[in-house]
C-alpha cells in the first residue's frame, strides 16, 4: 500500500496546471487541454511528495532514475533522492535522436526506473527504453505523474501513473478547434 496518498488532480488544478484552450502538443497533435506539471514541481515540498508517490509505484531496487528530457531532471533528482539512486536525463542530438550527454552513462545490468511528467502516446518512452536497453541496462518500470493516453501505449515495460487523465488529441487536419478557427493558446502567456 502506498505511503503517500496524493490527490494529484486537485493539486494540478489548485496550481493552475490544467489549462483549457487550443494547444499544439510537443508531438504535433492538438488538444483542448494542456497539463503543465512544472507549476507543481517548482515547489520543493510538492516535488518531494510527488517523487515519493511515484517511487512507491514500484518496489524493485533502482540504480538509476532516467528522465526523458533535461526539463524533467528535477523530477528524476527527487525520485532518485527517495530511491538513493543516481539521476540522469536524456536529450536530443542534432539528428533528433534520444541520447545521453553530459558524460552520463548506463552500465550493463543497472536497474533503471524511467520517470516522466506527462505521457500521451508513449513514443518518447519507447525511445528511452531502447536507449537504456542498448546500453545493457534493465528497465523495470516507468513512473509518470499524468497518463493522458486514451488507454493504449505501445510499451513492453509496466507504466504506472499517479493520475490517469485521458484526453483526446487530434491531427491538425482533423482538429475541431482548427475547424472552428479557434486561435492557438500560448502557454507562456497563460502563466503571466
N, C-alpha and C. Protein backbone atom coordinates (compact mmCIF):
# COMPACT_ATOMS: atom_id res chain seq x y z
N UNK A 1 0.85 -1.19 0.00
CA UNK A 1 0.00 0.00 0.00
C UNK A 1 0.89 1.24 0.00
N UNK A 2 0.67 2.17 -0.95
CA UNK A 2 1.50 3.37 -0.99
C UNK A 2 1.39 4.17 0.30
N UNK A 3 2.49 4.75 0.70
CA UNK A 3 2.52 5.57 1.91
C UNK A 3 2.00 6.97 1.64
N UNK A 4 1.91 7.34 0.39
CA UNK A 4 1.66 8.73 0.03
C UNK A 4 0.40 8.83 -0.79
N UNK A 5 -0.70 9.21 -0.19
CA UNK A 5 -1.97 9.29 -0.89
C UNK A 5 -2.21 10.74 -1.32
N UNK A 6 -1.85 11.04 -2.56
CA UNK A 6 -1.97 12.39 -3.09
C UNK A 6 -3.19 12.53 -3.96
N UNK A 7 -3.86 13.67 -3.90
CA UNK A 7 -4.90 13.99 -4.87
C UNK A 7 -4.23 14.85 -5.93
N UNK A 8 -3.63 14.18 -6.92
CA UNK A 8 -2.82 14.87 -7.92
C UNK A 8 -3.66 15.82 -8.75
N UNK A 9 -4.86 15.41 -9.13
CA UNK A 9 -5.72 16.28 -9.94
C UNK A 9 -6.03 17.57 -9.18
N UNK A 10 -6.34 17.44 -7.91
CA UNK A 10 -6.63 18.61 -7.09
C UNK A 10 -5.41 19.53 -7.01
N UNK A 11 -4.23 18.97 -6.81
CA UNK A 11 -3.00 19.77 -6.75
C UNK A 11 -2.75 20.49 -8.08
N UNK A 12 -2.94 19.76 -9.20
CA UNK A 12 -2.75 20.37 -10.51
C UNK A 12 -3.71 21.53 -10.72
N UNK A 13 -4.96 21.33 -10.35
CA UNK A 13 -5.97 22.38 -10.53
C UNK A 13 -5.69 23.58 -9.61
N UNK A 14 -5.33 23.32 -8.37
CA UNK A 14 -5.04 24.40 -7.42
C UNK A 14 -3.89 25.29 -7.89
N UNK A 15 -2.94 24.70 -8.60
CA UNK A 15 -1.77 25.45 -9.05
C UNK A 15 -1.88 25.92 -10.50
N UNK A 16 -3.08 25.83 -11.07
CA UNK A 16 -3.30 26.32 -12.43
C UNK A 16 -2.59 25.52 -13.49
N UNK A 17 -2.32 24.24 -13.22
CA UNK A 17 -1.54 23.42 -14.14
C UNK A 17 -2.40 22.70 -15.18
N UNK A 18 -3.73 22.72 -15.03
CA UNK A 18 -4.64 22.15 -16.03
C UNK A 18 -5.25 23.33 -16.76
N UNK A 19 -4.91 23.47 -18.03
CA UNK A 19 -5.31 24.64 -18.80
C UNK A 19 -6.21 24.24 -19.96
N UNK A 20 -7.17 25.09 -20.25
CA UNK A 20 -8.09 24.87 -21.37
C UNK A 20 -7.79 25.88 -22.47
N UNK A 21 -7.92 25.46 -23.71
CA UNK A 21 -7.67 26.34 -24.86
C UNK A 21 -7.51 25.50 -26.11
N UNK A 22 -6.62 25.93 -26.99
CA UNK A 22 -6.31 25.21 -28.23
C UNK A 22 -4.79 25.08 -28.27
N UNK A 23 -4.30 23.91 -27.96
CA UNK A 23 -2.87 23.70 -27.79
C UNK A 23 -2.29 22.79 -28.86
N UNK A 24 -1.07 23.10 -29.28
CA UNK A 24 -0.29 22.20 -30.12
C UNK A 24 0.72 21.55 -29.19
N UNK A 25 0.60 20.24 -29.03
CA UNK A 25 1.45 19.49 -28.12
C UNK A 25 2.84 19.31 -28.74
N UNK A 26 3.86 18.99 -27.95
CA UNK A 26 5.20 18.74 -28.50
C UNK A 26 5.20 17.68 -29.60
N UNK A 27 4.25 16.75 -29.53
CA UNK A 27 4.15 15.69 -30.55
C UNK A 27 3.58 16.20 -31.86
N UNK A 28 3.03 17.44 -31.86
CA UNK A 28 2.39 17.98 -33.05
C UNK A 28 0.87 17.82 -33.03
N UNK A 29 0.36 16.97 -32.15
CA UNK A 29 -1.08 16.80 -32.05
C UNK A 29 -1.71 18.00 -31.36
N UNK A 30 -3.00 18.19 -31.60
CA UNK A 30 -3.73 19.30 -31.00
C UNK A 30 -4.60 18.76 -29.86
N UNK A 31 -4.82 19.59 -28.85
CA UNK A 31 -5.64 19.21 -27.71
C UNK A 31 -6.33 20.45 -27.15
N UNK A 32 -7.46 20.21 -26.51
CA UNK A 32 -8.19 21.29 -25.86
C UNK A 32 -7.66 21.54 -24.44
N UNK A 33 -6.92 20.57 -23.91
CA UNK A 33 -6.42 20.66 -22.54
C UNK A 33 -4.92 20.44 -22.53
N UNK A 34 -4.24 21.22 -21.70
CA UNK A 34 -2.79 21.12 -21.55
C UNK A 34 -2.49 21.01 -20.06
N UNK A 35 -1.58 20.12 -19.70
CA UNK A 35 -1.19 19.96 -18.30
C UNK A 35 0.28 20.33 -18.17
N UNK A 36 0.56 21.32 -17.33
CA UNK A 36 1.92 21.79 -17.14
C UNK A 36 2.36 21.50 -15.70
N UNK A 37 2.94 20.32 -15.51
CA UNK A 37 3.32 19.87 -14.17
C UNK A 37 4.42 20.72 -13.53
N UNK A 38 5.17 21.45 -14.33
CA UNK A 38 6.23 22.28 -13.77
C UNK A 38 5.68 23.31 -12.79
N UNK A 39 4.40 23.66 -12.92
CA UNK A 39 3.79 24.59 -11.98
C UNK A 39 3.68 23.97 -10.58
N UNK A 40 3.66 22.64 -10.51
CA UNK A 40 3.71 21.95 -9.22
C UNK A 40 5.15 21.73 -8.77
N UNK A 41 5.97 21.27 -9.71
CA UNK A 41 7.33 20.87 -9.36
C UNK A 41 8.22 22.04 -8.96
N UNK A 42 7.77 23.27 -9.22
CA UNK A 42 8.56 24.43 -8.79
C UNK A 42 8.53 24.60 -7.27
N UNK A 43 7.62 23.88 -6.62
CA UNK A 43 7.52 23.93 -5.16
C UNK A 43 8.20 22.68 -4.59
N UNK A 44 9.36 22.81 -3.96
CA UNK A 44 10.10 21.63 -3.49
C UNK A 44 9.30 20.70 -2.59
N UNK A 45 8.46 21.24 -1.72
CA UNK A 45 7.69 20.35 -0.84
C UNK A 45 6.70 19.50 -1.62
N UNK A 46 6.15 20.03 -2.71
CA UNK A 46 5.25 19.25 -3.56
C UNK A 46 6.04 18.27 -4.43
N UNK A 47 7.18 18.71 -4.94
CA UNK A 47 8.03 17.83 -5.75
C UNK A 47 8.46 16.62 -4.93
N UNK A 48 8.76 16.82 -3.64
CA UNK A 48 9.15 15.70 -2.77
C UNK A 48 7.99 14.72 -2.59
N UNK A 49 6.79 15.24 -2.37
CA UNK A 49 5.62 14.37 -2.18
C UNK A 49 5.30 13.60 -3.45
N UNK A 50 5.39 14.27 -4.59
CA UNK A 50 5.12 13.61 -5.87
C UNK A 50 6.17 12.54 -6.13
N UNK A 51 7.43 12.85 -5.87
CA UNK A 51 8.51 11.88 -6.07
C UNK A 51 8.31 10.65 -5.18
N UNK A 52 7.92 10.87 -3.96
CA UNK A 52 7.68 9.73 -3.04
C UNK A 52 6.54 8.86 -3.58
N UNK A 53 5.46 9.49 -4.03
CA UNK A 53 4.32 8.73 -4.57
C UNK A 53 4.71 7.98 -5.84
N UNK A 54 5.53 8.61 -6.70
CA UNK A 54 5.99 7.94 -7.91
C UNK A 54 6.89 6.76 -7.56
N UNK A 55 7.77 6.94 -6.61
CA UNK A 55 8.67 5.88 -6.18
C UNK A 55 7.90 4.71 -5.60
N UNK A 56 6.84 5.00 -4.85
CA UNK A 56 6.03 3.96 -4.22
C UNK A 56 5.32 3.06 -5.23
N UNK A 57 5.26 3.46 -6.48
CA UNK A 57 4.58 2.65 -7.50
C UNK A 57 5.35 1.38 -7.84
N UNK A 58 6.65 1.32 -7.49
CA UNK A 58 7.48 0.16 -7.80
C UNK A 58 8.29 -0.22 -6.58
N UNK A 59 8.35 -1.51 -6.30
CA UNK A 59 9.10 -1.97 -5.12
C UNK A 59 10.54 -2.37 -5.46
N UNK A 60 10.84 -2.59 -6.75
CA UNK A 60 12.18 -3.03 -7.13
C UNK A 60 13.24 -1.98 -6.81
N UNK A 61 14.44 -2.45 -6.55
CA UNK A 61 15.56 -1.55 -6.32
C UNK A 61 15.95 -0.90 -7.65
N UNK A 62 16.25 0.39 -7.60
CA UNK A 62 16.71 1.12 -8.79
C UNK A 62 18.13 1.61 -8.56
N UNK A 63 18.95 1.46 -9.59
CA UNK A 63 20.30 2.03 -9.55
C UNK A 63 20.31 3.42 -10.16
N UNK A 64 19.44 3.61 -11.17
CA UNK A 64 19.41 4.86 -11.94
C UNK A 64 17.97 5.27 -12.19
N UNK A 65 17.72 6.56 -12.03
CA UNK A 65 16.44 7.15 -12.41
C UNK A 65 16.72 7.96 -13.67
N UNK A 66 16.00 7.64 -14.74
CA UNK A 66 16.23 8.26 -16.04
C UNK A 66 15.04 9.11 -16.44
N UNK A 67 15.29 10.40 -16.66
CA UNK A 67 14.27 11.32 -17.19
C UNK A 67 14.43 11.40 -18.70
N UNK A 68 13.33 11.67 -19.39
CA UNK A 68 13.35 11.72 -20.86
C UNK A 68 13.95 13.00 -21.42
N UNK A 69 13.94 14.06 -20.62
CA UNK A 69 14.40 15.36 -21.10
C UNK A 69 15.10 16.11 -19.97
N UNK A 70 15.91 17.10 -20.31
CA UNK A 70 16.51 17.94 -19.26
C UNK A 70 15.44 18.63 -18.41
N UNK A 71 14.29 18.97 -19.01
CA UNK A 71 13.26 19.67 -18.24
C UNK A 71 12.65 18.79 -17.15
N UNK A 72 12.82 17.48 -17.24
CA UNK A 72 12.34 16.58 -16.19
C UNK A 72 13.44 16.14 -15.24
N UNK A 73 14.58 16.81 -15.30
CA UNK A 73 15.69 16.43 -14.43
C UNK A 73 15.37 16.67 -12.95
N UNK A 74 14.55 17.67 -12.65
CA UNK A 74 14.15 17.91 -11.26
C UNK A 74 13.36 16.71 -10.75
N UNK A 75 12.45 16.22 -11.57
CA UNK A 75 11.65 15.06 -11.21
C UNK A 75 12.55 13.84 -10.97
N UNK A 76 13.49 13.61 -11.88
CA UNK A 76 14.41 12.49 -11.73
C UNK A 76 15.24 12.63 -10.46
N UNK A 77 15.70 13.84 -10.19
CA UNK A 77 16.51 14.10 -9.00
C UNK A 77 15.74 13.78 -7.72
N UNK A 78 14.47 14.20 -7.67
CA UNK A 78 13.67 13.97 -6.47
C UNK A 78 13.36 12.49 -6.27
N UNK A 79 13.03 11.79 -7.36
CA UNK A 79 12.77 10.35 -7.24
C UNK A 79 14.07 9.63 -6.85
N UNK A 80 15.19 10.05 -7.42
CA UNK A 80 16.48 9.45 -7.08
C UNK A 80 16.83 9.68 -5.61
N UNK A 81 16.47 10.83 -5.09
CA UNK A 81 16.72 11.11 -3.66
C UNK A 81 15.96 10.10 -2.80
N UNK A 82 14.69 9.85 -3.14
CA UNK A 82 13.88 8.88 -2.41
C UNK A 82 14.49 7.48 -2.52
N UNK A 83 14.95 7.14 -3.72
CA UNK A 83 15.46 5.80 -4.01
C UNK A 83 16.93 5.61 -3.66
N UNK A 84 17.63 6.69 -3.32
CA UNK A 84 19.07 6.66 -3.09
C UNK A 84 19.77 6.06 -4.31
N UNK A 85 19.42 6.64 -5.47
CA UNK A 85 19.96 6.20 -6.75
C UNK A 85 20.56 7.39 -7.48
N UNK A 86 21.19 7.12 -8.61
CA UNK A 86 21.68 8.20 -9.48
C UNK A 86 20.52 8.75 -10.29
N UNK A 87 20.61 10.01 -10.67
CA UNK A 87 19.62 10.64 -11.54
C UNK A 87 20.31 11.16 -12.78
N UNK A 88 19.80 10.75 -13.95
CA UNK A 88 20.34 11.24 -15.22
C UNK A 88 19.17 11.58 -16.13
N UNK A 89 19.49 12.28 -17.21
CA UNK A 89 18.43 12.59 -18.18
C UNK A 89 18.96 12.44 -19.58
N UNK A 90 18.04 12.17 -20.48
CA UNK A 90 18.37 12.07 -21.90
C UNK A 90 18.08 13.41 -22.56
N UNK A 91 18.59 13.59 -23.75
CA UNK A 91 18.28 14.77 -24.56
C UNK A 91 18.37 14.38 -26.02
N UNK A 92 18.06 15.29 -26.88
CA UNK A 92 18.07 15.01 -28.32
C UNK A 92 19.37 15.52 -28.93
N UNK A 93 19.94 14.74 -29.85
CA UNK A 93 21.12 15.20 -30.59
C UNK A 93 20.67 15.97 -31.83
N UNK A 94 21.62 16.36 -32.65
CA UNK A 94 21.33 17.17 -33.84
C UNK A 94 20.40 16.45 -34.81
N UNK A 95 20.42 15.12 -34.78
CA UNK A 95 19.58 14.32 -35.67
C UNK A 95 18.21 14.03 -35.07
N UNK A 96 17.96 14.54 -33.86
CA UNK A 96 16.68 14.31 -33.20
C UNK A 96 16.59 13.00 -32.44
N UNK A 97 17.73 12.30 -32.31
CA UNK A 97 17.74 11.02 -31.61
C UNK A 97 17.93 11.24 -30.11
N UNK A 98 17.30 10.38 -29.30
CA UNK A 98 17.46 10.44 -27.86
C UNK A 98 18.82 9.85 -27.49
N UNK A 99 19.61 10.63 -26.74
CA UNK A 99 20.95 10.22 -26.35
C UNK A 99 21.23 10.67 -24.91
N UNK A 100 22.29 10.08 -24.36
CA UNK A 100 22.79 10.55 -23.07
C UNK A 100 23.95 11.49 -23.34
N UNK A 101 23.91 12.66 -22.75
CA UNK A 101 25.01 13.62 -22.87
C UNK A 101 25.57 13.89 -21.48
N UNK A 102 26.40 14.91 -21.36
CA UNK A 102 26.96 15.33 -20.06
C UNK A 102 27.71 14.22 -19.35
N UNK A 103 28.32 13.31 -20.13
CA UNK A 103 29.06 12.17 -19.59
C UNK A 103 28.20 11.21 -18.77
N UNK A 104 26.87 11.26 -18.97
CA UNK A 104 26.00 10.28 -18.33
C UNK A 104 26.21 8.94 -19.02
N UNK A 105 26.20 7.87 -18.24
CA UNK A 105 26.31 6.53 -18.80
C UNK A 105 25.36 5.59 -18.05
N UNK A 106 24.92 4.59 -18.76
CA UNK A 106 24.20 3.47 -18.17
C UNK A 106 25.09 2.25 -18.35
N UNK A 107 25.28 1.50 -17.28
CA UNK A 107 26.15 0.33 -17.33
C UNK A 107 25.32 -0.94 -17.51
N UNK A 108 25.92 -1.94 -18.14
CA UNK A 108 25.21 -3.21 -18.28
C UNK A 108 24.76 -3.74 -16.92
N UNK A 109 23.51 -4.16 -16.88
CA UNK A 109 22.95 -4.74 -15.65
C UNK A 109 22.34 -3.74 -14.69
N UNK A 110 22.58 -2.44 -14.88
CA UNK A 110 21.97 -1.46 -13.96
C UNK A 110 20.45 -1.50 -14.10
N UNK A 111 19.78 -1.36 -12.96
CA UNK A 111 18.31 -1.36 -12.92
C UNK A 111 17.83 0.09 -13.04
N UNK A 112 16.96 0.32 -14.04
CA UNK A 112 16.55 1.68 -14.39
C UNK A 112 15.05 1.86 -14.20
N UNK A 113 14.69 2.95 -13.53
CA UNK A 113 13.31 3.40 -13.46
C UNK A 113 13.23 4.68 -14.28
N UNK A 114 12.38 4.68 -15.29
CA UNK A 114 12.18 5.86 -16.14
C UNK A 114 11.08 6.70 -15.52
N UNK A 115 11.28 8.02 -15.47
CA UNK A 115 10.25 8.92 -14.95
C UNK A 115 9.92 9.97 -16.01
N UNK A 116 8.65 10.37 -16.01
CA UNK A 116 8.19 11.41 -16.93
C UNK A 116 7.05 12.15 -16.26
N UNK A 117 6.84 13.39 -16.68
CA UNK A 117 5.75 14.14 -16.07
C UNK A 117 4.41 13.78 -16.69
N UNK A 118 4.29 13.90 -18.02
CA UNK A 118 3.02 13.63 -18.71
C UNK A 118 3.32 12.77 -19.93
N UNK A 119 2.59 11.68 -20.08
CA UNK A 119 2.73 10.87 -21.29
C UNK A 119 1.42 10.88 -22.06
N UNK A 120 1.55 10.92 -23.38
CA UNK A 120 0.36 10.93 -24.24
C UNK A 120 0.37 9.70 -25.15
N UNK A 121 1.41 9.55 -25.96
CA UNK A 121 1.45 8.47 -26.93
C UNK A 121 2.48 7.39 -26.65
N UNK A 122 3.44 7.68 -25.78
CA UNK A 122 4.45 6.69 -25.42
C UNK A 122 5.65 6.61 -26.34
N UNK A 123 5.70 7.43 -27.40
CA UNK A 123 6.82 7.37 -28.35
C UNK A 123 8.15 7.67 -27.67
N UNK A 124 8.20 8.76 -26.89
CA UNK A 124 9.45 9.11 -26.20
C UNK A 124 9.83 8.06 -25.15
N UNK A 125 8.83 7.50 -24.50
CA UNK A 125 9.12 6.45 -23.51
C UNK A 125 9.74 5.24 -24.18
N UNK A 126 9.20 4.85 -25.34
CA UNK A 126 9.76 3.71 -26.08
C UNK A 126 11.20 3.99 -26.49
N UNK A 127 11.50 5.23 -26.88
CA UNK A 127 12.87 5.59 -27.25
C UNK A 127 13.80 5.52 -26.04
N UNK A 128 13.32 5.95 -24.88
CA UNK A 128 14.14 5.89 -23.66
C UNK A 128 14.42 4.44 -23.26
N UNK A 129 13.42 3.58 -23.39
CA UNK A 129 13.61 2.16 -23.09
C UNK A 129 14.68 1.59 -24.01
N UNK A 130 14.57 1.90 -25.30
CA UNK A 130 15.55 1.41 -26.28
C UNK A 130 16.95 1.92 -25.96
N UNK A 131 17.05 3.20 -25.59
CA UNK A 131 18.34 3.80 -25.24
C UNK A 131 18.97 3.05 -24.06
N UNK A 132 18.19 2.81 -23.01
CA UNK A 132 18.72 2.13 -21.83
C UNK A 132 19.08 0.68 -22.13
N UNK A 133 18.22 0.00 -22.86
CA UNK A 133 18.48 -1.41 -23.18
C UNK A 133 19.68 -1.57 -24.10
N UNK A 134 19.89 -0.60 -24.98
CA UNK A 134 21.06 -0.69 -25.88
C UNK A 134 22.37 -0.57 -25.11
N UNK A 135 22.31 0.00 -23.91
CA UNK A 135 23.50 0.09 -23.05
C UNK A 135 23.64 -1.14 -22.16
N UNK A 136 22.67 -2.05 -22.25
CA UNK A 136 22.71 -3.26 -21.44
C UNK A 136 22.03 -3.11 -20.09
N UNK A 137 21.38 -1.97 -19.86
CA UNK A 137 20.67 -1.74 -18.60
C UNK A 137 19.31 -2.45 -18.64
N UNK A 138 18.75 -2.68 -17.47
CA UNK A 138 17.45 -3.34 -17.34
C UNK A 138 16.42 -2.32 -16.86
N UNK A 139 15.48 -1.99 -17.73
CA UNK A 139 14.39 -1.07 -17.36
C UNK A 139 13.27 -1.91 -16.77
N UNK A 140 12.93 -1.66 -15.51
CA UNK A 140 11.90 -2.46 -14.86
C UNK A 140 10.57 -1.73 -14.75
N UNK A 141 10.57 -0.41 -14.97
CA UNK A 141 9.31 0.32 -14.85
C UNK A 141 9.39 1.75 -15.33
N UNK A 142 8.21 2.31 -15.52
CA UNK A 142 8.04 3.71 -15.91
C UNK A 142 7.04 4.31 -14.95
N UNK A 143 7.43 5.39 -14.30
CA UNK A 143 6.53 6.08 -13.37
C UNK A 143 6.29 7.49 -13.90
N UNK A 144 5.01 7.84 -14.06
CA UNK A 144 4.66 9.16 -14.58
C UNK A 144 3.68 9.85 -13.64
N UNK A 145 3.67 11.15 -13.70
CA UNK A 145 2.69 11.89 -12.91
C UNK A 145 1.31 11.74 -13.53
N UNK A 146 1.21 12.03 -14.85
CA UNK A 146 -0.09 12.00 -15.52
C UNK A 146 0.00 11.16 -16.79
N UNK A 147 -0.91 10.20 -16.91
CA UNK A 147 -1.06 9.42 -18.14
C UNK A 147 -2.26 9.98 -18.89
N UNK A 148 -1.98 10.67 -19.99
CA UNK A 148 -3.03 11.27 -20.81
C UNK A 148 -3.47 10.36 -21.94
N UNK A 149 -2.88 9.19 -22.05
CA UNK A 149 -3.19 8.31 -23.18
C UNK A 149 -4.66 7.90 -23.13
N UNK A 150 -5.13 7.46 -24.27
CA UNK A 150 -6.51 7.01 -24.37
C UNK A 150 -6.60 5.50 -24.09
N UNK A 151 -5.63 4.96 -23.38
CA UNK A 151 -5.71 3.58 -22.95
C UNK A 151 -4.68 2.64 -23.56
N UNK A 152 -4.08 2.99 -24.69
CA UNK A 152 -3.10 2.09 -25.30
C UNK A 152 -1.77 2.82 -25.44
N UNK A 153 -0.75 2.24 -24.88
CA UNK A 153 0.62 2.72 -25.08
C UNK A 153 1.44 1.55 -25.59
N UNK A 154 2.21 1.74 -26.66
CA UNK A 154 2.97 0.63 -27.25
C UNK A 154 4.24 0.31 -26.46
N UNK A 155 4.07 -0.10 -25.21
CA UNK A 155 5.22 -0.33 -24.33
C UNK A 155 5.21 -1.76 -23.82
N UNK A 156 6.39 -2.30 -23.61
CA UNK A 156 6.53 -3.65 -23.05
C UNK A 156 6.94 -3.61 -21.58
N UNK A 157 7.14 -2.42 -21.05
CA UNK A 157 7.55 -2.21 -19.66
C UNK A 157 6.34 -1.66 -18.90
N UNK A 158 6.10 -2.09 -17.67
CA UNK A 158 4.95 -1.57 -16.92
C UNK A 158 5.04 -0.06 -16.68
N UNK A 159 3.94 0.62 -16.96
CA UNK A 159 3.82 2.05 -16.70
C UNK A 159 2.78 2.24 -15.61
N UNK A 160 3.14 3.04 -14.60
CA UNK A 160 2.21 3.33 -13.50
C UNK A 160 2.18 4.83 -13.31
N UNK A 161 0.97 5.36 -13.27
CA UNK A 161 0.78 6.81 -13.19
C UNK A 161 0.11 7.20 -11.87
N UNK A 162 0.41 8.40 -11.41
CA UNK A 162 -0.29 8.93 -10.24
C UNK A 162 -1.71 9.34 -10.61
N UNK A 163 -1.91 9.72 -11.89
CA UNK A 163 -3.22 10.18 -12.35
C UNK A 163 -3.43 9.72 -13.78
N UNK A 164 -4.57 9.09 -14.03
CA UNK A 164 -4.97 8.78 -15.40
C UNK A 164 -5.96 9.87 -15.82
N UNK A 165 -5.63 10.60 -16.87
CA UNK A 165 -6.44 11.75 -17.31
C UNK A 165 -6.50 11.70 -18.83
N UNK A 166 -7.23 10.70 -19.37
CA UNK A 166 -7.26 10.55 -20.83
C UNK A 166 -7.84 11.78 -21.51
N UNK A 167 -7.18 12.20 -22.56
CA UNK A 167 -7.65 13.36 -23.31
C UNK A 167 -7.49 13.09 -24.79
N UNK A 168 -8.52 13.43 -25.51
CA UNK A 168 -8.48 13.24 -26.95
C UNK A 168 -7.52 14.24 -27.58
N UNK A 169 -6.74 13.74 -28.51
CA UNK A 169 -5.86 14.60 -29.29
C UNK A 169 -6.20 14.41 -30.77
N UNK A 170 -5.83 15.40 -31.57
CA UNK A 170 -6.19 15.40 -32.98
C UNK A 170 -4.99 15.79 -33.83
N UNK A 171 -4.96 15.29 -35.06
CA UNK A 171 -4.01 15.82 -36.03
C UNK A 171 -4.52 17.18 -36.44
N UNK A 172 -3.67 18.00 -37.02
CA UNK A 172 -4.10 19.34 -37.46
C UNK A 172 -5.26 19.25 -38.46
N UNK A 173 -5.22 18.22 -39.31
CA UNK A 173 -6.27 18.06 -40.33
C UNK A 173 -7.64 17.75 -39.73
N UNK A 174 -7.67 16.99 -38.66
CA UNK A 174 -8.96 16.57 -38.08
C UNK A 174 -9.35 17.34 -36.82
N UNK A 175 -8.61 18.36 -36.46
CA UNK A 175 -8.85 19.11 -35.22
C UNK A 175 -10.13 19.96 -35.31
N UNK A 176 -11.11 19.71 -34.44
CA UNK A 176 -12.33 20.51 -34.44
C UNK A 176 -12.09 21.96 -34.01
N UNK A 177 -11.04 22.18 -33.22
CA UNK A 177 -10.71 23.54 -32.79
C UNK A 177 -10.18 24.36 -33.97
N UNK A 178 -9.38 23.70 -34.83
CA UNK A 178 -8.91 24.37 -36.05
C UNK A 178 -10.08 24.64 -36.99
N UNK A 179 -10.98 23.64 -37.12
CA UNK A 179 -12.14 23.80 -37.99
C UNK A 179 -13.01 24.96 -37.53
N UNK A 180 -13.08 25.17 -36.21
CA UNK A 180 -13.87 26.27 -35.65
C UNK A 180 -13.09 27.58 -35.62
N UNK A 181 -11.85 27.55 -36.18
CA UNK A 181 -10.97 28.73 -36.27
C UNK A 181 -10.66 29.34 -34.90
N UNK A 182 -10.52 28.46 -33.90
CA UNK A 182 -10.13 28.91 -32.57
C UNK A 182 -8.62 29.07 -32.56
N UNK A 183 -8.13 30.27 -32.22
CA UNK A 183 -6.67 30.50 -32.26
C UNK A 183 -5.93 29.62 -31.25
N UNK A 184 -4.66 29.38 -31.56
CA UNK A 184 -3.82 28.60 -30.66
C UNK A 184 -3.60 29.37 -29.37
N UNK A 185 -3.48 28.61 -28.27
CA UNK A 185 -3.24 29.20 -26.95
C UNK A 185 -1.75 29.18 -26.68
N UNK A 186 -1.21 30.32 -26.28
CA UNK A 186 0.20 30.44 -25.94
C UNK A 186 0.35 30.13 -24.44
N UNK A 187 0.96 29.00 -24.13
CA UNK A 187 1.12 28.55 -22.75
C UNK A 187 1.89 29.59 -21.94
N UNK A 188 2.91 30.19 -22.54
CA UNK A 188 3.72 31.17 -21.82
C UNK A 188 2.87 32.37 -21.38
N UNK A 189 1.94 32.80 -22.21
CA UNK A 189 1.09 33.94 -21.85
C UNK A 189 0.10 33.57 -20.75
N UNK A 190 -0.31 32.30 -20.70
CA UNK A 190 -1.24 31.86 -19.65
C UNK A 190 -0.61 31.96 -18.27
N UNK A 191 0.69 31.80 -18.21
CA UNK A 191 1.38 31.78 -16.91
C UNK A 191 1.75 33.15 -16.39
N UNK A 192 1.40 34.18 -17.11
CA UNK A 192 1.78 35.54 -16.67
C UNK A 192 0.64 36.22 -15.96
